[in-house]
Amino acid sequence: MAYNKRQHLADNIAALEFMFMRPEFCLTEEGRRVLNGYSGFGGLKCILNPAEKDTDIEK
């Protein structure tokens, strides 16, 4: 499976939303799956240097 920057970012955001946007926190199987998708933002330079166009992502 190829590395996908968009999916990586989406997985990280989903995990953060799961943790911080829910008033009640109960770790279910679905929650565990979402949290396992978090892998940090270190490899995503687009966080510090956002793309202006979709084609910038490929650089």
PDB file of N, CA and C in Angstrom:
ATOM      1  N   MET A   1       0.838  -1.176   0.000  1.00  0.00           N
ATOM      2  CA  MET A   1       0.000   0.000   0.000  1.00  0.00           C
ATOM      3  C   MET A   1       0.886   1.243   0.000  1.00  0.00           C
ATOM      4  N   ALA A   2       0.621   2.175  -0.878  1.00  0.00           N
ATOM      5  CA  ALA A   2       1.405   3.387  -1.007  1.00  0.00           C
ATOM      6  C   ALA A   2       1.067   4.381   0.107  1.00  0.00           C
ATOM      7  N   TYR A   3       2.015   5.215   0.428  1.00  0.00           N
ATOM      8  CA  TYR A   3       1.827   6.263   1.436  1.00  0.00           C
ATOM      9  C   TYR A   3       0.951   7.361   0.852  1.00  0.00           C
ATOM     10  N   ASN A   4      -0.068   7.729   1.552  1.00  0.00           N
ATOM     11  CA  ASN A   4      -1.014   8.727   1.076  1.00  0.00           C
ATOM     12  C   ASN A   4      -1.073   9.861   2.096  1.00  0.00           C
ATOM     13  N   LYS A   5      -0.565  11.045   1.720  1.00  0.00           N
ATOM     14  CA  LYS A   5      -0.514  12.179   2.641  1.00  0.00           C
ATOM     15  C   LYS A   5      -1.901  12.611   3.104  1.00  0.00           C
ATOM     16  N   ARG A   6      -2.835  12.627   2.177  1.00  0.00           N
ATOM     17  CA  ARG A   6      -4.197  13.042   2.547  1.00  0.00           C
ATOM     18  C   ARG A   6      -4.810  12.087   3.568  1.00  0.00           C
ATOM     19  N   GLN A   7      -4.627  10.792   3.353  1.00  0.00           N
ATOM     20  CA  GLN A   7      -5.181   9.809   4.279  1.00  0.00           C
ATOM     21  C   GLN A   7      -4.497   9.899   5.636  1.00  0.00           C
ATOM     22  N   HIS A   8      -3.197  10.083   5.629  1.00  0.00           N
ATOM     23  CA  HIS A   8      -2.417  10.236   6.864  1.00  0.00           C
ATOM     24  C   HIS A   8      -2.958  11.419   7.675  1.00  0.00           C
ATOM     25  N   LEU A   9      -3.151  12.546   7.016  1.00  0.00           N
ATOM     26  CA  LEU A   9      -3.676  13.731   7.669  1.00  0.00           C
ATOM     27  C   LEU A   9      -5.103  13.504   8.166  1.00  0.00           C
ATOM     28  N   ALA A  10      -5.935  12.892   7.347  1.00  0.00           N
ATOM     29  CA  ALA A  10      -7.322  12.618   7.730  1.00  0.00           C
ATOM     30  C   ALA A  10      -7.382  11.688   8.947  1.00  0.00           C
ATOM     31  N   ASP A  11      -6.535  10.676   8.982  1.00  0.00           N
ATOM     32  CA  ASP A  11      -6.503   9.745  10.114  1.00  0.00           C
ATOM     33  C   ASP A  11      -6.081  10.454  11.395  1.00  0.00           C
ATOM     34  N   ASN A  12      -5.067  11.324  11.302  1.00  0.00           N
ATOM     35  CA  ASN A  12      -4.604  12.057  12.476  1.00  0.00           C
ATOM     36  C   ASN A  12      -5.683  13.005  12.992  1.00  0.00           C
ATOM     37  N   ILE A  13      -6.333  13.710  12.093  1.00  0.00           N
ATOM     38  CA  ILE A  13      -7.388  14.642  12.494  1.00  0.00           C
ATOM     39  C   ILE A  13      -8.557  13.891  13.127  1.00  0.00           C
ATOM     40  N   ALA A  14      -8.921  12.756  12.555  1.00  0.00           N
ATOM     41  CA  ALA A  14     -10.014  11.951  13.115  1.00  0.00           C
ATOM     42  C   ALA A  14      -9.683  11.505  14.537  1.00  0.00           C
ATOM     43  N   ALA A  15      -8.446  11.105  14.775  1.00  0.00           N
ATOM     44  CA  ALA A  15      -8.045  10.670  16.114  1.00  0.00           C
ATOM     45  C   ALA A  15      -8.088  11.834  17.099  1.00  0.00           C
ATOM     46  N   LEU A  16      -7.610  13.002  16.681  1.00  0.00           N
ATOM     47  CA  LEU A  16      -7.637  14.164  17.562  1.00  0.00           C
ATOM     48  C   LEU A  16      -9.065  14.605  17.854  1.00  0.00           C
ATOM     49  N   GLU A  17      -9.912  14.595  16.844  1.00  0.00           N
ATOM     50  CA  GLU A  17     -11.322  14.941  17.053  1.00  0.00           C
ATOM     51  C   GLU A  17     -11.976  13.956  18.011  1.00  0.00           C
ATOM     52  N   PHE A  18     -11.653  12.698  17.863  1.00  0.00           N
ATOM     53  CA  PHE A  18     -12.224  11.675  18.734  1.00  0.00           C
ATOM     54  C   PHE A  18     -11.868  11.954  20.191  1.00  0.00           C
ATOM     55  N   MET A  19     -10.621  12.350  20.427  1.00  0.00           N
ATOM     56  CA  MET A  19     -10.156  12.587  21.792  1.00  0.00           C
ATOM     57  C   MET A  19     -10.678  13.892  22.383  1.00  0.00           C
ATOM     58  N   PHE A  20     -10.690  14.953  21.588  1.00  0.00           N
ATOM     59  CA  PHE A  20     -10.933  16.277  22.154  1.00  0.00           C
ATOM     60  C   PHE A  20     -12.316  16.865  21.880  1.00  0.00           C
ATOM     61  N   MET A  21     -13.061  16.300  20.966  1.00  0.00           N
ATOM     62  CA  MET A  21     -14.343  16.887  20.609  1.00  0.00           C
ATOM     63  C   MET A  21     -15.533  16.128  21.184  1.00  0.00           C
ATOM     64  N   ARG A  22     -15.278  15.145  22.000  1.00  0.00           N
ATOM     65  CA  ARG A  22     -16.370  14.375  22.601  1.00  0.00           C
ATOM     66  C   ARG A  22     -16.416  14.656  24.098  1.00  0.00           C
ATOM     67  N   PRO A  23     -17.547  15.132  24.585  1.00  0.00           N
ATOM     68  CA  PRO A  23     -17.624  15.420  26.025  1.00  0.00           C
ATOM     69  C   PRO A  23     -17.498  14.156  26.878  1.00  0.00           C
ATOM     70  N   GLU A  24     -18.017  13.057  26.399  1.00  0.00           N
ATOM     71  CA  GLU A  24     -17.884  11.798  27.126  1.00  0.00           C
ATOM     72  C   GLU A  24     -16.865  10.933  26.377  1.00  0.00           C
ATOM     73  N   PHE A  25     -15.985  10.331  27.115  1.00  0.00           N
ATOM     74  CA  PHE A  25     -14.972   9.495  26.469  1.00  0.00           C
ATOM     75  C   PHE A  25     -15.104   8.079  26.980  1.00  0.00           C
ATOM     76  N   CYS A  26     -15.466   7.204  26.081  1.00  0.00           N
ATOM     77  CA  CYS A  26     -15.560   5.784  26.393  1.00  0.00           C
ATOM     78  C   CYS A  26     -14.896   5.048  25.237  1.00  0.00           C
ATOM     79  N   LEU A  27     -13.827   4.344  25.514  1.00  0.00           N
ATOM     80  CA  LEU A  27     -13.076   3.690  24.451  1.00  0.00           C
ATOM     81  C   LEU A  27     -13.787   2.412  24.005  1.00  0.00           C
ATOM     82  N   THR A  28     -14.335   2.477  22.808  1.00  0.00           N
ATOM     83  CA  THR A  28     -15.001   1.333  22.206  1.00  0.00           C
ATOM     84  C   THR A  28     -14.069   0.741  21.155  1.00  0.00           C
ATOM     85  N   GLU A  29     -14.517  -0.304  20.519  1.00  0.00           N
ATOM     86  CA  GLU A  29     -13.717  -0.907  19.450  1.00  0.00           C
ATOM     87  C   GLU A  29     -13.518   0.089  18.309  1.00  0.00           C
ATOM     88  N   GLU A  30     -14.568   0.831  17.980  1.00  0.00           N
ATOM     89  CA  GLU A  30     -14.447   1.857  16.933  1.00  0.00           C
ATOM     90  C   GLU A  30     -13.452   2.940  17.358  1.00  0.00           C
ATOM     91  N   GLY A  31     -13.542   3.374  18.610  1.00  0.00           N
ATOM     92  CA  GLY A  31     -12.626   4.386  19.121  1.00  0.00           C
ATOM     93  C   GLY A  31     -11.187   3.915  19.094  1.00  0.00           C
ATOM     94  N   ARG A  32     -10.978   2.672  19.444  1.00  0.00           N
ATOM     95  CA  ARG A  32      -9.625   2.107  19.415  1.00  0.00           C
ATOM     96  C   ARG A  32      -9.078   2.092  17.985  1.00  0.00           C
ATOM     97  N   ARG A  33      -9.939   1.783  17.013  1.00  0.00           N
ATOM     98  CA  ARG A  33      -9.522   1.770  15.617  1.00  0.00           C
ATOM     99  C   ARG A  33      -9.131   3.178  15.157  1.00  0.00           C
ATOM    100  N   VAL A  34      -9.942   4.170  15.550  1.00  0.00           N
ATOM    101  CA  VAL A  34      -9.662   5.561  15.169  1.00  0.00           C
ATOM    102  C   VAL A  34      -8.349   6.018  15.788  1.00  0.00           C
ATOM    103  N   LEU A  35      -8.157   5.739  17.067  1.00  0.00           N
ATOM    104  CA  LEU A  35      -6.934   6.168  17.742  1.00  0.00           C
ATOM    105  C   LEU A  35      -5.697   5.450  17.207  1.00  0.00           C
ATOM    106  N   ASN A  36      -5.851   4.219  16.764  1.00  0.00           N
ATOM    107  CA  ASN A  36      -4.721   3.503  16.175  1.00  0.00           C
ATOM    108  C   ASN A  36      -4.285   4.124  14.853  1.00  0.00           C
ATOM    109  N   GLY A  37      -5.166   4.914  14.229  1.00  0.00           N
ATOM    110  CA  GLY A  37      -4.818   5.583  12.984  1.00  0.00           C
ATOM    111  C   GLY A  37      -3.908   6.775  13.164  1.00  0.00           C
ATOM    112  N   TYR A  38      -3.773   7.253  14.413  1.00  0.00           N
ATOM    113  CA  TYR A  38      -2.923   8.421  14.661  1.00  0.00           C
ATOM    114  C   TYR A  38      -1.456   8.011  14.590  1.00  0.00           C
ATOM    115  N   SER A  39      -0.681   8.765  13.827  1.00  0.00           N
ATOM    116  CA  SER A  39       0.741   8.453  13.732  1.00  0.00           C
ATOM    117  C   SER A  39       1.611   9.689  13.801  1.00  0.00           C
ATOM    118  N   GLY A  40       1.048  10.825  14.163  1.00  0.00           N
ATOM    119  CA  GLY A  40       1.830  12.049  14.311  1.00  0.00           C
ATOM    120  C   GLY A  40       1.913  12.837  13.020  1.00  0.00           C
ATOM    121  N   PHE A  41       2.383  14.066  13.139  1.00  0.00           N
ATOM    122  CA  PHE A  41       2.453  14.958  11.988  1.00  0.00           C
ATOM    123  C   PHE A  41       3.886  15.169  11.519  1.00  0.00           C
ATOM    124  N   GLY A  42       4.847  14.492  12.103  1.00  0.00           N
ATOM    125  CA  GLY A  42       6.260  14.708  11.784  1.00  0.00           C
ATOM    126  C   GLY A  42       6.612  14.571  10.318  1.00  0.00           C
ATOM    127  N   GLY A  43       6.001  13.642   9.610  1.00  0.00           N
ATOM    128  CA  GLY A  43       6.332  13.422   8.212  1.00  0.00           C
ATOM    129  C   GLY A  43       5.544  14.274   7.243  1.00  0.00           C
ATOM    130  N   LEU A  44       4.693  15.136   7.763  1.00  0.00           N
ATOM    131  CA  LEU A  44       3.838  15.944   6.895  1.00  0.00           C
ATOM    132  C   LEU A  44       4.283  17.401   6.915  1.00  0.00           C
ATOM    133  N   LYS A  45       5.168  17.757   6.003  1.00  0.00           N
ATOM    134  CA  LYS A  45       5.635  19.141   5.949  1.00  0.00           C
ATOM    135  C   LYS A  45       4.503  20.093   5.582  1.00  0.00           C
ATOM    136  N   CYS A  46       3.412  19.558   5.043  1.00  0.00           N
ATOM    137  CA  CYS A  46       2.288  20.413   4.660  1.00  0.00           C
ATOM    138  C   CYS A  46       1.619  21.046   5.876  1.00  0.00           C
ATOM    139  N   ILE A  47       1.882  20.543   7.074  1.00  0.00           N
ATOM    140  CA  ILE A  47       1.330  21.165   8.275  1.00  0.00           C
ATOM    141  C   ILE A  47       2.019  22.498   8.523  1.00  0.00           C
ATOM    142  N   LEU A  48       3.333  22.538   8.357  1.00  0.00           N
ATOM    143  CA  LEU A  48       4.073  23.775   8.565  1.00  0.00           C
ATOM    144  C   LEU A  48       4.137  24.636   7.313  1.00  0.00           C
ATOM    145  N   ASN A  49       4.019  24.023   6.159  1.00  0.00           N
ATOM    146  CA  ASN A  49       4.105  24.729   4.888  1.00  0.00           C
ATOM    147  C   ASN A  49       2.911  24.312   4.032  1.00  0.00           C
ATOM    148  N   PRO A  50       1.733  24.885   4.284  1.00  0.00           N
ATOM    149  CA  PRO A  50       0.512  24.450   3.591  1.00  0.00           C
ATOM    150  C   PRO A  50       0.569  24.639   2.072  1.00  0.00           C
ATOM    151  N   ALA A  51      -0.067  23.742   1.363  1.00  0.00           N
ATOM    152  CA  ALA A  51      -0.146  23.818  -0.098  1.00  0.00           C
ATOM    153  C   ALA A  51      -1.219  24.827  -0.492  1.00  0.00           C
ATOM    154  N   GLU A  52      -0.938  25.567  -1.545  1.00  0.00           N
ATOM    155  CA  GLU A  52      -1.919  26.516  -2.046  1.00  0.00           C
ATOM    156  C   GLU A  52      -2.821  25.871  -3.091  1.00  0.00           C
ATOM    157  N   LYS A  53      -2.282  24.893  -3.816  1.00  0.00           N
ATOM    158  CA  LYS A  53      -3.038  24.185  -4.850  1.00  0.00           C
ATOM    159  C   LYS A  53      -2.871  22.690  -4.615  1.00  0.00           C
ATOM    160  N   ASP A  54      -3.783  21.902  -5.150  1.00  0.00           N
ATOM    161  CA  ASP A  54      -3.680  20.453  -5.001  1.00  0.00           C
ATOM    162  C   ASP A  54      -2.390  19.905  -5.592  1.00  0.00           C
ATOM    163  N   THR A  55      -1.885  20.516  -6.655  1.00  0.00           N
ATOM    164  CA  THR A  55      -0.649  20.021  -7.285  1.00  0.00           C
ATOM    165  C   THR A  55       0.568  20.277  -6.416  1.00  0.00           C
ATOM    166  N   ASP A  56       0.496  21.213  -5.475  1.00  0.00           N
ATOM    167  CA  ASP A  56       1.623  21.464  -4.570  1.00  0.00           C
ATOM    168  C   ASP A  56       1.877  20.289  -3.644  1.00  0.00           C
ATOM    169  N   ILE A  57       0.872  19.479  -3.411  1.00  0.00           N
ATOM    170  CA  ILE A  57       1.003  18.350  -2.495  1.00  0.00           C
ATOM    171  C   ILE A  57       2.020  17.340  -3.001  1.00  0.00           C
ATOM    172  N   GLU A  58       2.164  17.234  -4.301  1.00  0.00           N
ATOM    173  CA  GLU A  58       3.061  16.239  -4.882  1.00  0.00           C
ATOM    174  C   GLU A  58       4.532  16.637  -4.760  1.00  0.00           C
ATOM    175  N   LYS A  59       4.825  17.854  -4.365  1.00  0.00           N
ATOM    176  CA  LYS A  59       6.217  18.317  -4.284  1.00  0.00           C
ATOM    177  C   LYS A  59       6.888  17.795  -3.045  1.00  0.00           C
TER     178      LYS A  59
END
